[in-house]
């Protein structure tokens, strides 16, 4: 069975835009990330549509609440074919274990978000009184203690992840930029570099979804990670 290493982010609230993007994507080359923007607009019907089209689903809602609420929220996706589902590691050990218990029931994998790729050292110092790498390291250790299925981190923390996390733990990396652009991602790396540094999957949004030729952009990234 094909297991694409690219996850294309669909970040739009417009149904026509989302459908047009899907028409250009190949489920043999990519999974699809459903974040809060598209999920809040198109809901569970969109998840059903993705499944019908043969796409593996990365449901990136970054759940962060009291343990019971997270547990019950995840159970609400029973019957949906979701491969990966995100929570915030900063929700703590009880929340993580509650999420994992629910995940076993609905047959999905729980992925813990460490520090958002939009944050830099100045941000993490203000929020956590520590550098980005120190905060990420603490969250990675929590991930190891709970035995979570995988983590999300910036590509710049992949070496740290390799040192702290078990080899079988999935490492999902956003912030992939093969050319320099000005946007809200602070900690980035090329696709090929991220794979070489140990990424299991790459989340790629605008470099594919906003490309003049989406299908060709997807092929380019697929080829680049296999060079």
N, C-alpha and C. Protein backbone atom coordinates (compact mmCIF):
# COMPACT_ATOMS: atom_id res chain seq x y z
N UNK A 1 0.84 -1.20 0.00
CA UNK A 1 0.00 0.00 0.00
C UNK A 1 0.88 1.25 0.00
N UNK A 2 0.55 2.21 -0.84
CA UNK A 2 1.32 3.45 -0.95
C UNK A 2 1.11 4.31 0.30
N UNK A 3 2.21 4.82 0.83
CA UNK A 3 2.13 5.71 1.98
C UNK A 3 2.83 7.02 1.62
N UNK A 4 2.10 7.98 1.04
CA UNK A 4 2.71 9.23 0.61
C UNK A 4 3.35 9.98 1.78
N UNK A 5 4.48 10.59 1.54
CA UNK A 5 5.18 11.32 2.59
C UNK A 5 4.86 12.81 2.57
N UNK A 6 4.16 13.24 1.54
CA UNK A 6 3.73 14.64 1.45
C UNK A 6 2.29 14.76 1.92
N UNK A 7 2.04 15.76 2.76
CA UNK A 7 0.68 16.06 3.22
C UNK A 7 0.35 17.47 2.73
N UNK A 8 -0.60 17.58 1.82
CA UNK A 8 -0.97 18.89 1.28
C UNK A 8 -2.04 19.53 2.15
N UNK A 9 -1.75 20.73 2.60
CA UNK A 9 -2.69 21.46 3.46
C UNK A 9 -3.75 22.16 2.61
N UNK A 10 -5.00 21.91 2.95
CA UNK A 10 -6.11 22.62 2.29
C UNK A 10 -6.64 23.63 3.29
N UNK A 11 -6.25 24.87 3.10
CA UNK A 11 -6.57 25.92 4.07
C UNK A 11 -7.46 26.98 3.43
N UNK A 12 -8.70 26.59 3.17
CA UNK A 12 -9.66 27.52 2.60
C UNK A 12 -11.04 27.24 3.17
N UNK A 13 -11.84 28.27 3.30
CA UNK A 13 -13.23 28.08 3.75
C UNK A 13 -14.18 28.02 2.55
N UNK A 14 -13.62 28.15 1.35
CA UNK A 14 -14.46 28.18 0.14
C UNK A 14 -14.54 26.78 -0.48
N UNK A 15 -15.74 26.28 -0.61
CA UNK A 15 -15.94 24.92 -1.11
C UNK A 15 -15.42 24.75 -2.53
N UNK A 16 -15.69 25.70 -3.40
CA UNK A 16 -15.26 25.59 -4.79
C UNK A 16 -13.73 25.55 -4.89
N UNK A 17 -13.07 26.38 -4.08
CA UNK A 17 -11.61 26.41 -4.08
C UNK A 17 -11.04 25.08 -3.60
N UNK A 18 -11.64 24.55 -2.54
CA UNK A 18 -11.18 23.26 -2.00
C UNK A 18 -11.37 22.14 -3.02
N UNK A 19 -12.51 22.12 -3.68
CA UNK A 19 -12.78 21.06 -4.67
C UNK A 19 -11.85 21.18 -5.87
N UNK A 20 -11.59 22.40 -6.30
CA UNK A 20 -10.69 22.61 -7.44
C UNK A 20 -9.28 22.13 -7.10
N UNK A 21 -8.85 22.36 -5.85
CA UNK A 21 -7.54 21.89 -5.42
C UNK A 21 -7.48 20.37 -5.39
N UNK A 22 -8.52 19.75 -4.85
CA UNK A 22 -8.56 18.29 -4.80
C UNK A 22 -8.48 17.67 -6.19
N UNK A 23 -9.11 18.32 -7.16
CA UNK A 23 -9.10 17.80 -8.52
C UNK A 23 -7.69 17.74 -9.09
N UNK A 24 -6.79 18.56 -8.55
CA UNK A 24 -5.41 18.62 -9.06
C UNK A 24 -4.46 17.70 -8.28
N UNK A 25 -4.93 17.15 -7.17
CA UNK A 25 -4.06 16.34 -6.33
C UNK A 25 -4.21 14.86 -6.61
N UNK A 26 -3.12 14.14 -6.40
CA UNK A 26 -3.09 12.70 -6.64
C UNK A 26 -2.94 11.98 -5.30
N UNK A 27 -3.93 11.18 -4.89
CA UNK A 27 -3.84 10.50 -3.59
C UNK A 27 -2.70 9.50 -3.50
N UNK A 28 -2.10 9.15 -4.64
CA UNK A 28 -0.94 8.27 -4.60
C UNK A 28 0.34 9.04 -4.25
N UNK A 29 0.28 10.38 -4.38
CA UNK A 29 1.44 11.21 -4.09
C UNK A 29 1.30 12.01 -2.80
N UNK A 30 0.10 12.12 -2.26
CA UNK A 30 -0.06 12.94 -1.06
C UNK A 30 -1.25 12.52 -0.20
N UNK A 31 -1.10 12.80 1.08
CA UNK A 31 -2.23 12.80 1.99
C UNK A 31 -2.81 14.22 1.98
N UNK A 32 -3.89 14.46 2.71
CA UNK A 32 -4.48 15.79 2.78
C UNK A 32 -4.62 16.22 4.23
N UNK A 33 -4.19 17.44 4.51
CA UNK A 33 -4.35 18.00 5.84
C UNK A 33 -5.63 18.82 5.90
N UNK A 34 -6.48 18.48 6.85
CA UNK A 34 -7.71 19.23 7.10
C UNK A 34 -7.51 19.98 8.41
N UNK A 35 -7.33 21.29 8.31
CA UNK A 35 -7.17 22.12 9.49
C UNK A 35 -8.48 22.78 9.88
N UNK A 36 -8.40 23.68 10.84
CA UNK A 36 -9.62 24.29 11.38
C UNK A 36 -10.35 25.16 10.36
N UNK A 37 -9.61 25.80 9.45
CA UNK A 37 -10.26 26.69 8.48
C UNK A 37 -11.23 25.92 7.61
N UNK A 38 -10.76 24.86 6.95
CA UNK A 38 -11.62 24.11 6.06
C UNK A 38 -12.62 23.25 6.84
N UNK A 39 -12.21 22.72 7.99
CA UNK A 39 -13.14 21.87 8.75
C UNK A 39 -14.31 22.68 9.29
N UNK A 40 -14.04 23.87 9.81
CA UNK A 40 -15.13 24.70 10.35
C UNK A 40 -16.10 25.13 9.26
N UNK A 41 -15.60 25.23 8.02
CA UNK A 41 -16.47 25.66 6.92
C UNK A 41 -17.22 24.49 6.28
N UNK A 42 -16.52 23.37 6.07
CA UNK A 42 -17.10 22.27 5.29
C UNK A 42 -17.44 21.03 6.11
N UNK A 43 -16.89 20.93 7.32
CA UNK A 43 -17.30 19.92 8.28
C UNK A 43 -16.98 18.48 7.92
N UNK A 44 -17.74 17.58 8.53
CA UNK A 44 -17.48 16.15 8.38
C UNK A 44 -17.80 15.64 6.98
N UNK A 45 -18.67 16.35 6.27
CA UNK A 45 -18.94 15.94 4.89
C UNK A 45 -17.68 15.99 4.04
N UNK A 46 -16.81 16.94 4.34
CA UNK A 46 -15.56 17.06 3.60
C UNK A 46 -14.65 15.87 3.89
N UNK A 47 -14.66 15.41 5.14
CA UNK A 47 -13.88 14.22 5.48
C UNK A 47 -14.37 13.00 4.70
N UNK A 48 -15.68 12.87 4.59
CA UNK A 48 -16.25 11.75 3.83
C UNK A 48 -15.84 11.83 2.36
N UNK A 49 -15.86 13.05 1.82
CA UNK A 49 -15.49 13.24 0.42
C UNK A 49 -14.04 12.85 0.17
N UNK A 50 -13.15 13.26 1.07
CA UNK A 50 -11.74 12.92 0.92
C UNK A 50 -11.54 11.40 0.93
N UNK A 51 -12.24 10.75 1.84
CA UNK A 51 -12.13 9.29 1.94
C UNK A 51 -12.63 8.63 0.65
N UNK A 52 -13.74 9.13 0.13
CA UNK A 52 -14.30 8.59 -1.11
C UNK A 52 -13.34 8.75 -2.28
N UNK A 53 -12.56 9.82 -2.25
CA UNK A 53 -11.60 10.09 -3.33
C UNK A 53 -10.27 9.36 -3.12
N UNK A 54 -10.16 8.64 -2.02
CA UNK A 54 -8.97 7.84 -1.81
C UNK A 54 -7.83 8.52 -1.07
N UNK A 55 -8.10 9.70 -0.49
CA UNK A 55 -7.05 10.41 0.23
C UNK A 55 -6.97 9.96 1.69
N UNK A 56 -5.75 9.77 2.18
CA UNK A 56 -5.55 9.57 3.61
C UNK A 56 -5.62 10.93 4.30
N UNK A 57 -6.24 10.97 5.49
CA UNK A 57 -6.58 12.23 6.12
C UNK A 57 -5.73 12.51 7.35
N UNK A 58 -5.16 13.70 7.37
CA UNK A 58 -4.46 14.24 8.53
C UNK A 58 -5.35 15.34 9.10
N UNK A 59 -6.09 15.03 10.16
CA UNK A 59 -7.03 15.99 10.75
C UNK A 59 -6.29 16.83 11.78
N UNK A 60 -5.99 18.04 11.39
CA UNK A 60 -5.11 18.91 12.18
C UNK A 60 -5.92 19.98 12.92
N UNK A 61 -6.63 19.54 13.96
CA UNK A 61 -7.44 20.47 14.75
C UNK A 61 -6.73 20.96 16.00
N UNK A 62 -5.58 20.38 16.29
CA UNK A 62 -4.75 20.82 17.44
C UNK A 62 -5.60 20.94 18.71
N UNK A 63 -6.25 19.85 19.07
CA UNK A 63 -7.14 19.87 20.24
C UNK A 63 -6.36 20.20 21.50
N UNK A 64 -6.95 21.04 22.33
CA UNK A 64 -6.30 21.48 23.56
C UNK A 64 -7.39 21.91 24.54
N UNK A 65 -7.73 21.00 25.46
CA UNK A 65 -8.82 21.28 26.40
C UNK A 65 -8.64 20.34 27.59
N UNK A 66 -9.60 20.31 28.49
CA UNK A 66 -9.50 19.39 29.62
C UNK A 66 -9.59 17.95 29.07
N UNK A 67 -8.99 16.99 29.76
CA UNK A 67 -8.89 15.62 29.22
C UNK A 67 -10.21 15.02 28.74
N UNK A 68 -11.28 15.17 29.51
CA UNK A 68 -12.54 14.55 29.12
C UNK A 68 -13.10 15.17 27.84
N UNK A 69 -12.96 16.48 27.70
CA UNK A 69 -13.47 17.15 26.50
C UNK A 69 -12.72 16.67 25.26
N UNK A 70 -11.40 16.55 25.36
CA UNK A 70 -10.61 16.07 24.23
C UNK A 70 -10.98 14.62 23.90
N UNK A 71 -11.14 13.80 24.93
CA UNK A 71 -11.54 12.40 24.74
C UNK A 71 -12.86 12.30 23.99
N UNK A 72 -13.86 13.05 24.44
CA UNK A 72 -15.19 12.98 23.83
C UNK A 72 -15.19 13.58 22.43
N UNK A 73 -14.39 14.62 22.21
CA UNK A 73 -14.30 15.21 20.87
C UNK A 73 -13.76 14.20 19.88
N UNK A 74 -12.74 13.47 20.27
CA UNK A 74 -12.15 12.46 19.38
C UNK A 74 -13.14 11.33 19.12
N UNK A 75 -13.87 10.91 20.14
CA UNK A 75 -14.88 9.86 19.94
C UNK A 75 -15.94 10.29 18.93
N UNK A 76 -16.15 11.59 18.81
CA UNK A 76 -17.13 12.11 17.85
C UNK A 76 -16.76 11.85 16.41
N UNK A 77 -15.52 11.42 16.17
CA UNK A 77 -15.09 11.10 14.81
C UNK A 77 -15.13 9.60 14.53
N UNK A 78 -15.77 8.85 15.40
CA UNK A 78 -15.89 7.41 15.16
C UNK A 78 -16.66 7.17 13.86
N UNK A 79 -16.15 6.24 13.06
CA UNK A 79 -16.78 5.95 11.78
C UNK A 79 -16.15 6.69 10.62
N UNK A 80 -15.25 7.64 10.93
CA UNK A 80 -14.54 8.36 9.89
C UNK A 80 -13.15 7.78 9.72
N UNK A 81 -12.70 7.72 8.49
CA UNK A 81 -11.41 7.12 8.18
C UNK A 81 -10.30 8.17 8.30
N UNK A 82 -9.89 8.45 9.53
CA UNK A 82 -8.87 9.46 9.81
C UNK A 82 -7.58 8.74 10.19
N UNK A 83 -6.51 9.03 9.48
CA UNK A 83 -5.25 8.35 9.76
C UNK A 83 -4.50 9.00 10.92
N UNK A 84 -4.46 10.34 10.94
CA UNK A 84 -3.68 11.10 11.92
C UNK A 84 -4.51 12.24 12.46
N UNK A 85 -4.42 12.50 13.75
CA UNK A 85 -5.21 13.56 14.39
C UNK A 85 -4.33 14.28 15.41
N UNK A 86 -4.35 15.61 15.39
CA UNK A 86 -3.43 16.36 16.25
C UNK A 86 -4.07 16.89 17.53
N UNK A 87 -3.22 16.92 18.57
CA UNK A 87 -3.53 17.60 19.82
C UNK A 87 -2.29 18.44 20.18
N UNK A 88 -2.44 19.34 21.13
CA UNK A 88 -1.30 20.11 21.62
C UNK A 88 -0.64 19.35 22.77
N UNK A 89 0.66 19.10 22.66
CA UNK A 89 1.39 18.46 23.75
C UNK A 89 1.32 19.28 25.03
N UNK A 90 1.20 20.59 24.90
CA UNK A 90 1.15 21.47 26.08
C UNK A 90 -0.13 21.28 26.88
N UNK A 91 -1.06 20.45 26.40
CA UNK A 91 -2.25 20.12 27.19
C UNK A 91 -1.94 19.24 28.38
N UNK A 92 -0.73 18.64 28.39
CA UNK A 92 -0.32 17.86 29.56
C UNK A 92 -0.55 16.36 29.42
N UNK A 93 0.05 15.62 30.35
CA UNK A 93 0.06 14.15 30.28
C UNK A 93 -1.34 13.56 30.33
N UNK A 94 -2.20 14.03 31.23
CA UNK A 94 -3.55 13.46 31.33
C UNK A 94 -4.35 13.67 30.06
N UNK A 95 -4.21 14.86 29.47
CA UNK A 95 -4.93 15.13 28.23
C UNK A 95 -4.42 14.23 27.11
N UNK A 96 -3.11 14.07 27.04
CA UNK A 96 -2.52 13.23 25.99
C UNK A 96 -2.99 11.78 26.12
N UNK A 97 -2.95 11.24 27.33
CA UNK A 97 -3.36 9.84 27.52
C UNK A 97 -4.85 9.66 27.27
N UNK A 98 -5.66 10.65 27.62
CA UNK A 98 -7.10 10.58 27.33
C UNK A 98 -7.34 10.56 25.82
N UNK A 99 -6.58 11.37 25.11
CA UNK A 99 -6.69 11.41 23.65
C UNK A 99 -6.29 10.06 23.04
N UNK A 100 -5.24 9.47 23.57
CA UNK A 100 -4.77 8.19 23.05
C UNK A 100 -5.77 7.07 23.30
N UNK A 101 -6.44 7.12 24.44
CA UNK A 101 -7.47 6.12 24.74
C UNK A 101 -8.62 6.21 23.74
N UNK A 102 -9.05 7.43 23.45
CA UNK A 102 -10.12 7.63 22.47
C UNK A 102 -9.67 7.24 21.07
N UNK A 103 -8.41 7.52 20.77
CA UNK A 103 -7.88 7.23 19.43
C UNK A 103 -7.92 5.74 19.13
N UNK A 104 -7.66 4.92 20.13
CA UNK A 104 -7.70 3.47 19.92
C UNK A 104 -9.11 3.02 19.53
N UNK A 105 -10.10 3.68 20.09
CA UNK A 105 -11.49 3.31 19.80
C UNK A 105 -11.87 3.66 18.37
N UNK A 106 -11.43 4.83 17.89
CA UNK A 106 -11.80 5.24 16.53
C UNK A 106 -10.74 4.85 15.50
N UNK A 107 -9.67 4.18 15.98
CA UNK A 107 -8.62 3.66 15.09
C UNK A 107 -7.90 4.77 14.33
N UNK A 108 -7.35 5.70 15.08
CA UNK A 108 -6.52 6.74 14.49
C UNK A 108 -5.24 6.86 15.30
N UNK A 109 -4.29 7.63 14.80
CA UNK A 109 -3.04 7.89 15.52
C UNK A 109 -3.04 9.33 16.02
N UNK A 110 -2.57 9.51 17.25
CA UNK A 110 -2.52 10.84 17.85
C UNK A 110 -1.13 11.44 17.65
N UNK A 111 -1.14 12.66 17.13
CA UNK A 111 0.09 13.39 16.85
C UNK A 111 0.12 14.65 17.71
N UNK A 112 1.21 14.81 18.47
CA UNK A 112 1.31 15.94 19.38
C UNK A 112 2.05 17.12 18.77
N UNK A 113 1.41 18.28 18.79
CA UNK A 113 2.04 19.51 18.28
C UNK A 113 2.95 20.08 19.37
N UNK A 114 4.18 20.40 18.99
CA UNK A 114 5.14 20.95 19.97
C UNK A 114 5.01 22.46 20.00
N UNK A 115 5.87 23.18 19.27
CA UNK A 115 5.82 24.64 19.20
C UNK A 115 5.52 25.04 17.77
N UNK A 116 4.52 25.88 17.58
CA UNK A 116 4.10 26.28 16.24
C UNK A 116 5.26 26.88 15.45
N UNK A 117 5.30 26.56 14.15
CA UNK A 117 6.41 27.03 13.33
C UNK A 117 6.38 28.53 13.08
N UNK A 118 5.31 29.19 13.46
CA UNK A 118 5.25 30.65 13.31
C UNK A 118 5.99 31.36 14.45
N UNK A 119 6.35 30.63 15.52
CA UNK A 119 6.99 31.24 16.69
C UNK A 119 8.51 31.19 16.57
N UNK A 120 9.16 32.25 17.08
CA UNK A 120 10.62 32.28 17.14
C UNK A 120 11.05 32.42 18.60
N UNK A 121 12.36 32.56 18.83
CA UNK A 121 12.87 32.62 20.21
C UNK A 121 12.27 33.77 21.01
N UNK A 122 12.05 34.90 20.36
CA UNK A 122 11.45 36.04 21.05
C UNK A 122 10.04 35.69 21.55
N UNK A 123 9.29 35.00 20.72
CA UNK A 123 7.93 34.59 21.10
C UNK A 123 7.95 33.59 22.25
N UNK A 124 8.80 32.57 22.14
CA UNK A 124 8.81 31.53 23.18
C UNK A 124 9.37 32.05 24.50
N UNK A 125 10.26 33.02 24.43
CA UNK A 125 10.75 33.64 25.67
C UNK A 125 9.61 34.37 26.37
N UNK A 126 8.81 35.08 25.60
CA UNK A 126 7.68 35.81 26.18
C UNK A 126 6.61 34.86 26.71
N UNK A 127 6.39 33.75 26.00
CA UNK A 127 5.33 32.82 26.38
C UNK A 127 5.74 31.81 27.44
N UNK A 128 6.96 31.28 27.31
CA UNK A 128 7.38 30.16 28.15
C UNK A 128 8.64 30.42 28.97
N UNK A 129 9.21 31.64 28.82
CA UNK A 129 10.46 31.97 29.50
C UNK A 129 11.58 30.99 29.14
N UNK A 130 11.63 30.60 27.87
CA UNK A 130 12.68 29.71 27.41
C UNK A 130 12.86 29.88 25.91
N UNK A 131 13.98 29.37 25.40
CA UNK A 131 14.18 29.39 23.96
C UNK A 131 13.26 28.39 23.29
N UNK A 132 13.12 28.52 21.99
CA UNK A 132 12.29 27.59 21.23
C UNK A 132 12.77 26.15 21.42
N UNK A 133 14.07 25.94 21.28
CA UNK A 133 14.61 24.58 21.37
C UNK A 133 14.42 23.98 22.75
N UNK A 134 14.56 24.80 23.80
CA UNK A 134 14.36 24.29 25.17
C UNK A 134 12.91 23.89 25.40
N UNK A 135 11.99 24.71 24.91
CA UNK A 135 10.58 24.40 25.07
C UNK A 135 10.21 23.15 24.28
N UNK A 136 10.72 23.04 23.06
CA UNK A 136 10.46 21.86 22.24
C UNK A 136 11.01 20.61 22.91
N UNK A 137 12.20 20.70 23.47
CA UNK A 137 12.82 19.55 24.14
C UNK A 137 11.96 19.07 25.30
N UNK A 138 11.41 19.99 26.07
CA UNK A 138 10.54 19.59 27.19
C UNK A 138 9.31 18.86 26.69
N UNK A 139 8.73 19.35 25.60
CA UNK A 139 7.53 18.72 25.05
C UNK A 139 7.86 17.37 24.42
N UNK A 140 9.03 17.25 23.81
CA UNK A 140 9.44 15.96 23.27
C UNK A 140 9.59 14.91 24.38
N UNK A 141 10.13 15.33 25.51
CA UNK A 141 10.28 14.40 26.63
C UNK A 141 8.91 13.95 27.15
N UNK A 142 7.95 14.87 27.15
CA UNK A 142 6.58 14.52 27.53
C UNK A 142 5.99 13.53 26.52
N UNK A 143 6.26 13.75 25.25
CA UNK A 143 5.79 12.84 24.22
C UNK A 143 6.34 11.43 24.44
N UNK A 144 7.62 11.35 24.79
CA UNK A 144 8.25 10.06 25.06
C UNK A 144 7.62 9.37 26.26
N UNK A 145 7.34 10.13 27.31
CA UNK A 145 6.75 9.57 28.53
C UNK A 145 5.36 8.99 28.28
N UNK A 146 4.61 9.59 27.39
CA UNK A 146 3.24 9.15 27.14
C UNK A 146 3.15 8.08 26.06
N UNK A 147 4.20 7.94 25.24
CA UNK A 147 4.16 6.96 24.16
C UNK A 147 3.23 7.35 23.03
N UNK A 148 3.07 8.64 22.82
CA UNK A 148 2.21 9.14 21.75
C UNK A 148 2.72 8.64 20.40
N UNK A 149 1.84 8.61 19.39
CA UNK A 149 2.20 8.04 18.09
C UNK A 149 3.19 8.89 17.30
N UNK A 150 3.16 10.19 17.51
CA UNK A 150 4.06 11.04 16.74
C UNK A 150 3.98 12.48 17.20
N UNK A 151 4.82 13.30 16.59
CA UNK A 151 4.87 14.72 16.96
C UNK A 151 4.89 15.58 15.70
N UNK A 152 4.52 16.84 15.89
CA UNK A 152 4.70 17.86 14.86
C UNK A 152 5.75 18.84 15.37
N UNK A 153 6.73 19.10 14.55
CA UNK A 153 7.74 20.10 14.93
C UNK A 153 8.26 20.78 13.67
N UNK A 154 8.93 21.91 13.86
CA UNK A 154 9.55 22.57 12.72
C UNK A 154 10.71 21.71 12.23
N UNK A 155 11.11 21.86 10.97
CA UNK A 155 12.24 21.07 10.48
C UNK A 155 13.53 21.35 11.23
N UNK A 156 13.64 22.52 11.83
CA UNK A 156 14.85 22.87 12.55
C UNK A 156 14.99 22.10 13.87
N UNK A 157 13.92 21.45 14.32
CA UNK A 157 13.98 20.64 15.54
C UNK A 157 14.05 19.14 15.26
N UNK A 158 14.23 18.76 13.99
CA UNK A 158 14.25 17.34 13.65
C UNK A 158 15.45 16.62 14.27
N UNK A 159 16.61 17.26 14.29
CA UNK A 159 17.78 16.63 14.91
C UNK A 159 17.55 16.41 16.40
N UNK A 160 16.93 17.39 17.04
CA UNK A 160 16.58 17.27 18.46
C UNK A 160 15.59 16.12 18.66
N UNK A 161 14.64 16.00 17.77
CA UNK A 161 13.65 14.92 17.85
C UNK A 161 14.32 13.56 17.74
N UNK A 162 15.28 13.46 16.84
CA UNK A 162 15.99 12.20 16.66
C UNK A 162 16.73 11.80 17.93
N UNK A 163 17.28 12.79 18.63
CA UNK A 163 18.04 12.53 19.85
C UNK A 163 17.16 12.14 21.03
N UNK A 164 15.93 12.65 21.08
CA UNK A 164 15.07 12.46 22.25
C UNK A 164 14.02 11.37 22.03
N UNK A 165 13.44 11.32 20.84
CA UNK A 165 12.30 10.44 20.59
C UNK A 165 12.74 9.07 20.10
N UNK A 166 11.88 8.09 20.28
CA UNK A 166 12.16 6.75 19.78
C UNK A 166 12.09 6.75 18.25
N UNK A 167 12.83 5.88 17.59
CA UNK A 167 12.88 5.86 16.12
C UNK A 167 11.51 5.63 15.48
N UNK A 168 10.65 4.87 16.15
CA UNK A 168 9.36 4.55 15.53
C UNK A 168 8.34 5.69 15.66
N UNK A 169 8.64 6.72 16.46
CA UNK A 169 7.69 7.82 16.60
C UNK A 169 7.67 8.68 15.34
N UNK A 170 6.48 8.94 14.81
CA UNK A 170 6.34 9.73 13.59
C UNK A 170 6.76 11.18 13.83
N UNK A 171 7.40 11.76 12.84
CA UNK A 171 7.84 13.15 12.92
C UNK A 171 7.27 13.89 11.72
N UNK A 172 6.30 14.75 11.98
CA UNK A 172 5.60 15.47 10.92
C UNK A 172 6.06 16.92 10.93
N UNK A 173 6.44 17.39 9.74
CA UNK A 173 7.13 18.68 9.65
C UNK A 173 6.43 19.65 8.71
N UNK A 174 5.88 20.73 9.26
CA UNK A 174 5.43 21.84 8.40
C UNK A 174 6.61 22.78 8.17
N UNK A 175 6.35 23.95 7.60
CA UNK A 175 7.42 24.92 7.38
C UNK A 175 8.36 24.50 6.27
N UNK A 176 7.82 23.84 5.23
CA UNK A 176 8.64 23.43 4.10
C UNK A 176 8.60 24.52 3.04
N UNK A 177 9.78 25.04 2.73
CA UNK A 177 9.89 26.11 1.75
C UNK A 177 11.12 25.84 0.87
N UNK A 178 10.90 25.49 -0.39
CA UNK A 178 12.03 25.22 -1.27
C UNK A 178 12.61 26.50 -1.88
N UNK A 179 11.89 27.60 -1.73
CA UNK A 179 12.42 28.91 -2.09
C UNK A 179 12.09 29.87 -0.96
N UNK A 180 12.87 30.93 -0.84
CA UNK A 180 12.66 31.90 0.22
C UNK A 180 11.43 32.75 -0.07
N UNK A 181 10.50 32.78 0.88
CA UNK A 181 9.30 33.61 0.74
C UNK A 181 9.05 34.36 2.03
N UNK A 182 8.26 35.41 1.92
CA UNK A 182 7.91 36.19 3.11
C UNK A 182 6.49 35.82 3.53
N UNK A 183 6.38 35.03 4.63
CA UNK A 183 5.06 34.66 5.13
C UNK A 183 5.15 34.46 6.63
N UNK A 184 4.19 33.72 7.24
CA UNK A 184 4.14 33.61 8.69
C UNK A 184 4.88 32.40 9.23
N UNK A 185 5.70 31.76 8.42
CA UNK A 185 6.51 30.63 8.88
C UNK A 185 7.91 31.13 9.22
N UNK A 186 8.34 30.91 10.47
CA UNK A 186 9.64 31.43 10.91
C UNK A 186 10.75 30.40 10.83
N UNK A 187 10.43 29.11 10.97
CA UNK A 187 11.48 28.08 11.07
C UNK A 187 11.27 27.07 9.96
N UNK A 188 11.98 27.28 8.84
CA UNK A 188 11.70 26.52 7.63
C UNK A 188 12.92 25.76 7.13
N UNK A 189 12.67 24.87 6.13
CA UNK A 189 13.73 24.06 5.53
C UNK A 189 13.18 23.53 4.20
N UNK A 190 14.07 23.16 3.28
CA UNK A 190 13.60 22.56 2.03
C UNK A 190 13.08 21.15 2.30
N UNK A 191 12.29 20.65 1.36
CA UNK A 191 11.70 19.32 1.51
C UNK A 191 12.77 18.24 1.60
N UNK A 192 13.74 18.29 0.70
CA UNK A 192 14.79 17.28 0.69
C UNK A 192 15.60 17.29 1.97
N UNK A 193 15.92 18.49 2.46
CA UNK A 193 16.68 18.59 3.71
C UNK A 193 15.90 18.01 4.88
N UNK A 194 14.59 18.30 4.94
CA UNK A 194 13.78 17.81 6.04
C UNK A 194 13.73 16.29 6.07
N UNK A 195 13.61 15.66 4.92
CA UNK A 195 13.61 14.20 4.86
C UNK A 195 14.95 13.65 5.33
N UNK A 196 16.03 14.28 4.89
CA UNK A 196 17.36 13.83 5.30
C UNK A 196 17.59 13.98 6.80
N UNK A 197 16.90 14.94 7.42
CA UNK A 197 17.03 15.16 8.86
C UNK A 197 16.05 14.30 9.67
N UNK A 198 15.31 13.42 9.01
CA UNK A 198 14.50 12.46 9.73
C UNK A 198 13.00 12.65 9.73
N UNK A 199 12.47 13.57 8.92
CA UNK A 199 11.02 13.77 8.87
C UNK A 199 10.33 12.54 8.28
N UNK A 200 9.23 12.13 8.92
CA UNK A 200 8.43 11.03 8.38
C UNK A 200 7.50 11.53 7.29
N UNK A 201 6.87 12.68 7.54
CA UNK A 201 5.95 13.30 6.59
C UNK A 201 6.18 14.80 6.57
N UNK A 202 5.91 15.42 5.42
CA UNK A 202 6.06 16.86 5.24
C UNK A 202 4.69 17.49 4.98
N UNK A 203 4.35 18.50 5.75
CA UNK A 203 3.13 19.25 5.50
C UNK A 203 3.49 20.44 4.61
N UNK A 204 2.90 20.48 3.44
CA UNK A 204 3.19 21.55 2.48
C UNK A 204 1.87 22.20 2.07
N UNK A 205 1.78 23.49 2.29
CA UNK A 205 0.56 24.23 1.96
C UNK A 205 0.71 25.07 0.72
N UNK A 206 0.97 26.36 0.93
CA UNK A 206 0.98 27.32 -0.17
C UNK A 206 1.94 27.00 -1.31
N UNK A 207 3.13 26.44 -1.06
CA UNK A 207 4.01 26.12 -2.19
C UNK A 207 3.38 25.15 -3.19
N UNK A 208 2.37 24.39 -2.75
CA UNK A 208 1.63 23.53 -3.68
C UNK A 208 0.26 24.13 -4.00
N UNK A 209 -0.50 24.48 -2.96
CA UNK A 209 -1.89 24.92 -3.18
C UNK A 209 -1.99 26.23 -3.95
N UNK A 210 -0.98 27.09 -3.85
CA UNK A 210 -1.00 28.38 -4.55
C UNK A 210 -0.13 28.38 -5.80
N UNK A 211 0.40 27.23 -6.16
CA UNK A 211 1.24 27.14 -7.35
C UNK A 211 0.41 27.35 -8.61
N UNK A 212 1.04 27.86 -9.67
CA UNK A 212 0.31 28.08 -10.93
C UNK A 212 -0.14 26.76 -11.53
N UNK A 213 0.62 25.69 -11.25
CA UNK A 213 0.24 24.35 -11.68
C UNK A 213 0.39 23.42 -10.47
N UNK A 214 -0.73 23.15 -9.82
CA UNK A 214 -0.72 22.38 -8.56
C UNK A 214 -0.18 20.97 -8.78
N UNK A 215 -0.64 20.32 -9.82
CA UNK A 215 -0.22 18.94 -10.07
C UNK A 215 1.28 18.85 -10.29
N UNK A 216 1.84 19.80 -11.02
CA UNK A 216 3.28 19.80 -11.28
C UNK A 216 4.06 20.13 -10.02
N UNK A 217 3.53 21.04 -9.20
CA UNK A 217 4.21 21.38 -7.94
C UNK A 217 4.27 20.17 -7.02
N UNK A 218 3.18 19.41 -6.97
CA UNK A 218 3.16 18.19 -6.15
C UNK A 218 4.19 17.18 -6.67
N UNK A 219 4.25 17.02 -7.98
CA UNK A 219 5.25 16.10 -8.56
C UNK A 219 6.67 16.56 -8.25
N UNK A 220 6.89 17.88 -8.30
CA UNK A 220 8.22 18.41 -8.00
C UNK A 220 8.65 18.05 -6.58
N UNK A 221 7.76 18.27 -5.62
CA UNK A 221 8.11 17.96 -4.24
C UNK A 221 8.29 16.46 -4.02
N UNK A 222 7.44 15.66 -4.68
CA UNK A 222 7.58 14.21 -4.56
C UNK A 222 8.93 13.75 -5.08
N UNK A 223 9.34 14.31 -6.20
CA UNK A 223 10.63 13.95 -6.78
C UNK A 223 11.78 14.46 -5.91
N UNK A 224 11.63 15.66 -5.35
CA UNK A 224 12.73 16.27 -4.60
C UNK A 224 13.05 15.50 -3.33
N UNK A 225 12.04 14.90 -2.69
CA UNK A 225 12.31 14.18 -1.45
C UNK A 225 12.91 12.80 -1.71
N UNK A 226 12.84 12.36 -2.96
CA UNK A 226 13.39 11.05 -3.31
C UNK A 226 14.73 11.13 -4.05
N UNK A 227 15.28 12.34 -4.15
CA UNK A 227 16.56 12.51 -4.83
C UNK A 227 17.71 11.92 -4.01
